[in-house]
Amino acid sequence: MQPGTPVSTAETADDLEALFARLAHSEFRSRFRLRAADRAYVEGKGLATIRRHAEEFVRKRLSPAFPPNDGRQTPMRGHPVFIAQHATACCCRGCLGKWHGIPAGRPLTAEEEAYVVQVVMAWIVRQMERV
């Protein structure tokens, strides 16, 4: 999928690989990593809890048609999901439009929310598997 291509919720492992390969070419996106404290937080809370956090952050911070402080609503640190959102270009409506083809100016659909959470969680799992 190229930047700006509309999202499909039937993302396969190959689709995510292609997305992560594109993101790896971005100097900004590729610099994000989970630090030791972030990894410990994920290990301590478990992936199910982290997924619930991701679902809540996406619903509250990205899903509205016009999120408050759009473009600045996702902190650069403080929670593994925030870091993953920046690494995967799921941090604001502008990035969702550019990288994932999800247009701004309307609420996210349930399908789009699920897609964003899937991408964020896939990145976190990949980070947790890194040695």
Protein backbone atom coordinates (compact mmCIF):
# COMPACT_ATOMS: atom_id res chain seq x y z
CA MET A 1 0.00 0.00 0.00
CA GLN A 2 1.37 3.41 -0.96
CA PRO A 3 0.96 6.53 1.17
CA GLY A 4 -2.55 7.86 0.64
CA THR A 5 -4.02 4.51 -0.43
CA PRO A 6 -7.36 3.91 1.32
CA VAL A 7 -7.21 1.46 4.19
CA SER A 8 -8.66 -2.02 4.10
CA THR A 9 -9.41 -3.75 7.37
CA ALA A 10 -8.44 -7.08 5.88
CA GLU A 11 -4.77 -6.24 6.36
CA THR A 12 -2.60 -9.28 5.94
CA ALA A 13 0.85 -9.91 7.33
CA ASP A 14 2.19 -9.01 3.86
CA ASP A 15 0.31 -5.68 3.94
CA LEU A 16 1.80 -4.86 7.33
CA GLU A 17 5.26 -5.87 6.12
CA ALA A 18 4.88 -3.50 3.18
CA LEU A 19 3.73 -0.71 5.50
CA PHE A 20 6.64 -1.27 7.90
CA ALA A 21 9.06 -1.34 4.96
CA ARG A 22 7.75 2.06 3.78
CA LEU A 23 7.94 3.47 7.30
CA ALA A 24 11.54 2.23 7.58
CA HIS A 25 12.47 4.61 4.74
CA SER A 26 11.31 7.59 6.78
CA GLU A 27 14.18 8.98 8.85
CA PHE A 28 11.69 10.36 11.37
CA ARG A 29 9.53 7.21 11.72
CA SER A 30 12.44 4.78 11.79
CA ARG A 31 14.12 6.41 14.78
CA PHE A 32 11.42 5.30 17.24
CA ARG A 33 12.18 2.35 19.51
CA LEU A 34 10.74 1.06 22.75
CA ARG A 35 13.17 1.87 25.54
CA ALA A 36 13.83 -0.46 28.46
CA ALA A 37 11.20 1.25 30.62
CA ASP A 38 8.61 0.97 27.83
CA ARG A 39 9.41 -2.70 27.32
CA ALA A 40 9.13 -3.33 31.06
CA TYR A 41 5.76 -1.55 31.09
CA VAL A 42 4.47 -3.78 28.26
CA GLU A 43 5.79 -6.90 29.99
CA GLY A 44 4.25 -5.85 33.30
CA LYS A 45 0.83 -4.91 31.93
CA GLY A 46 0.57 -7.54 29.19
CA LEU A 47 -0.42 -7.11 25.57
CA ALA A 48 -4.17 -7.33 26.29
CA THR A 49 -3.98 -4.28 28.56
CA ILE A 50 -1.75 -2.41 26.13
CA ARG A 51 -4.31 -3.15 23.37
CA ARG A 52 -7.08 -1.70 25.56
CA HIS A 53 -4.97 1.41 26.09
CA ALA A 54 -4.41 1.68 22.33
CA GLU A 55 -8.14 1.32 21.67
CA GLU A 56 -8.91 4.06 24.20
CA PHE A 57 -6.24 6.45 22.87
CA VAL A 58 -7.38 5.95 19.28
CA ARG A 59 -11.04 6.40 20.18
CA LYS A 60 -10.42 9.56 22.23
CA ARG A 61 -7.49 11.20 20.42
CA LEU A 62 -7.85 10.19 16.74
CA SER A 63 -11.39 9.11 16.04
CA PRO A 64 -13.18 12.48 16.19
CA ALA A 65 -13.56 14.34 12.90
CA PHE A 66 -11.60 17.25 14.37
CA PRO A 67 -9.54 16.03 17.35
CA PRO A 68 -8.46 18.73 19.81
CA ASN A 69 -4.87 19.85 19.10
CA ASP A 70 -4.70 17.66 15.99
CA GLY A 71 -1.10 17.26 14.98
CA ARG A 72 0.04 17.66 18.57
CA GLN A 73 -2.33 15.37 20.47
CA THR A 74 0.04 12.40 20.75
CA PRO A 75 2.95 12.84 23.17
CA MET A 76 6.38 11.71 21.99
CA ARG A 77 6.92 9.64 25.15
CA GLY A 78 5.17 8.46 28.27
CA HIS A 79 3.44 5.31 26.99
CA PRO A 80 4.49 2.57 24.55
CA VAL A 81 1.35 3.22 22.47
CA PHE A 82 2.33 6.87 21.95
CA ILE A 83 5.74 5.83 20.66
CA ALA A 84 4.15 3.22 18.40
CA GLN A 85 1.70 5.80 17.06
CA HIS A 86 4.58 8.03 15.94
CA ALA A 87 6.58 5.11 14.56
CA THR A 88 3.61 3.94 12.48
CA ALA A 89 2.27 7.37 11.43
CA CYS A 90 -0.91 6.81 13.46
CA CYS A 91 -0.33 9.89 15.60
CA CYS A 92 -2.67 12.46 14.02
CA ARG A 93 -5.27 12.78 11.29
CA GLY A 94 -2.75 14.32 8.89
CA CYS A 95 -0.42 11.34 9.18
CA LEU A 96 -3.33 8.91 8.92
CA GLY A 97 -4.29 10.58 5.66
CA LYS A 98 -0.78 10.71 4.23
CA TRP A 99 0.41 7.24 5.23
CA HIS A 100 -2.77 5.21 5.54
CA GLY A 101 -5.28 6.89 3.22
CA ILE A 102 -7.72 7.66 6.04
CA PRO A 103 -9.11 11.13 5.34
CA ALA A 104 -9.43 13.84 7.97
CA GLY A 105 -12.59 15.83 8.56
CA ARG A 106 -14.85 12.94 9.48
CA PRO A 107 -14.90 10.51 12.40
CA LEU A 108 -13.00 7.26 12.01
CA THR A 109 -15.16 4.25 11.36
CA ALA A 110 -15.01 1.28 13.72
CA GLU A 111 -13.14 -0.55 10.96
CA GLU A 112 -10.53 2.23 10.72
CA GLU A 113 -10.12 2.37 14.51
CA ALA A 114 -9.51 -1.40 14.52
CA TYR A 115 -6.97 -1.02 11.70
CA VAL A 116 -5.02 1.68 13.58
CA VAL A 117 -4.94 -0.46 16.73
CA GLN A 118 -3.81 -3.44 14.65
CA VAL A 119 -0.92 -1.46 13.16
CA VAL A 120 0.14 -0.01 16.52
CA MET A 121 0.01 -3.39 18.25
CA ALA A 122 1.92 -5.10 15.43
CA TRP A 123 4.70 -2.54 15.83
CA ILE A 124 4.79 -3.03 19.61
CA VAL A 125 4.96 -6.82 19.25
CA ARG A 126 7.80 -6.45 16.73
CA GLN A 127 9.66 -4.21 19.17
CA MET A 128 9.14 -6.65 22.02
CA GLU A 129 10.59 -9.47 19.89
CA ARG A 130 13.76 -7.50 19.14
CA VAL A 131 16.78 -8.62 21.08
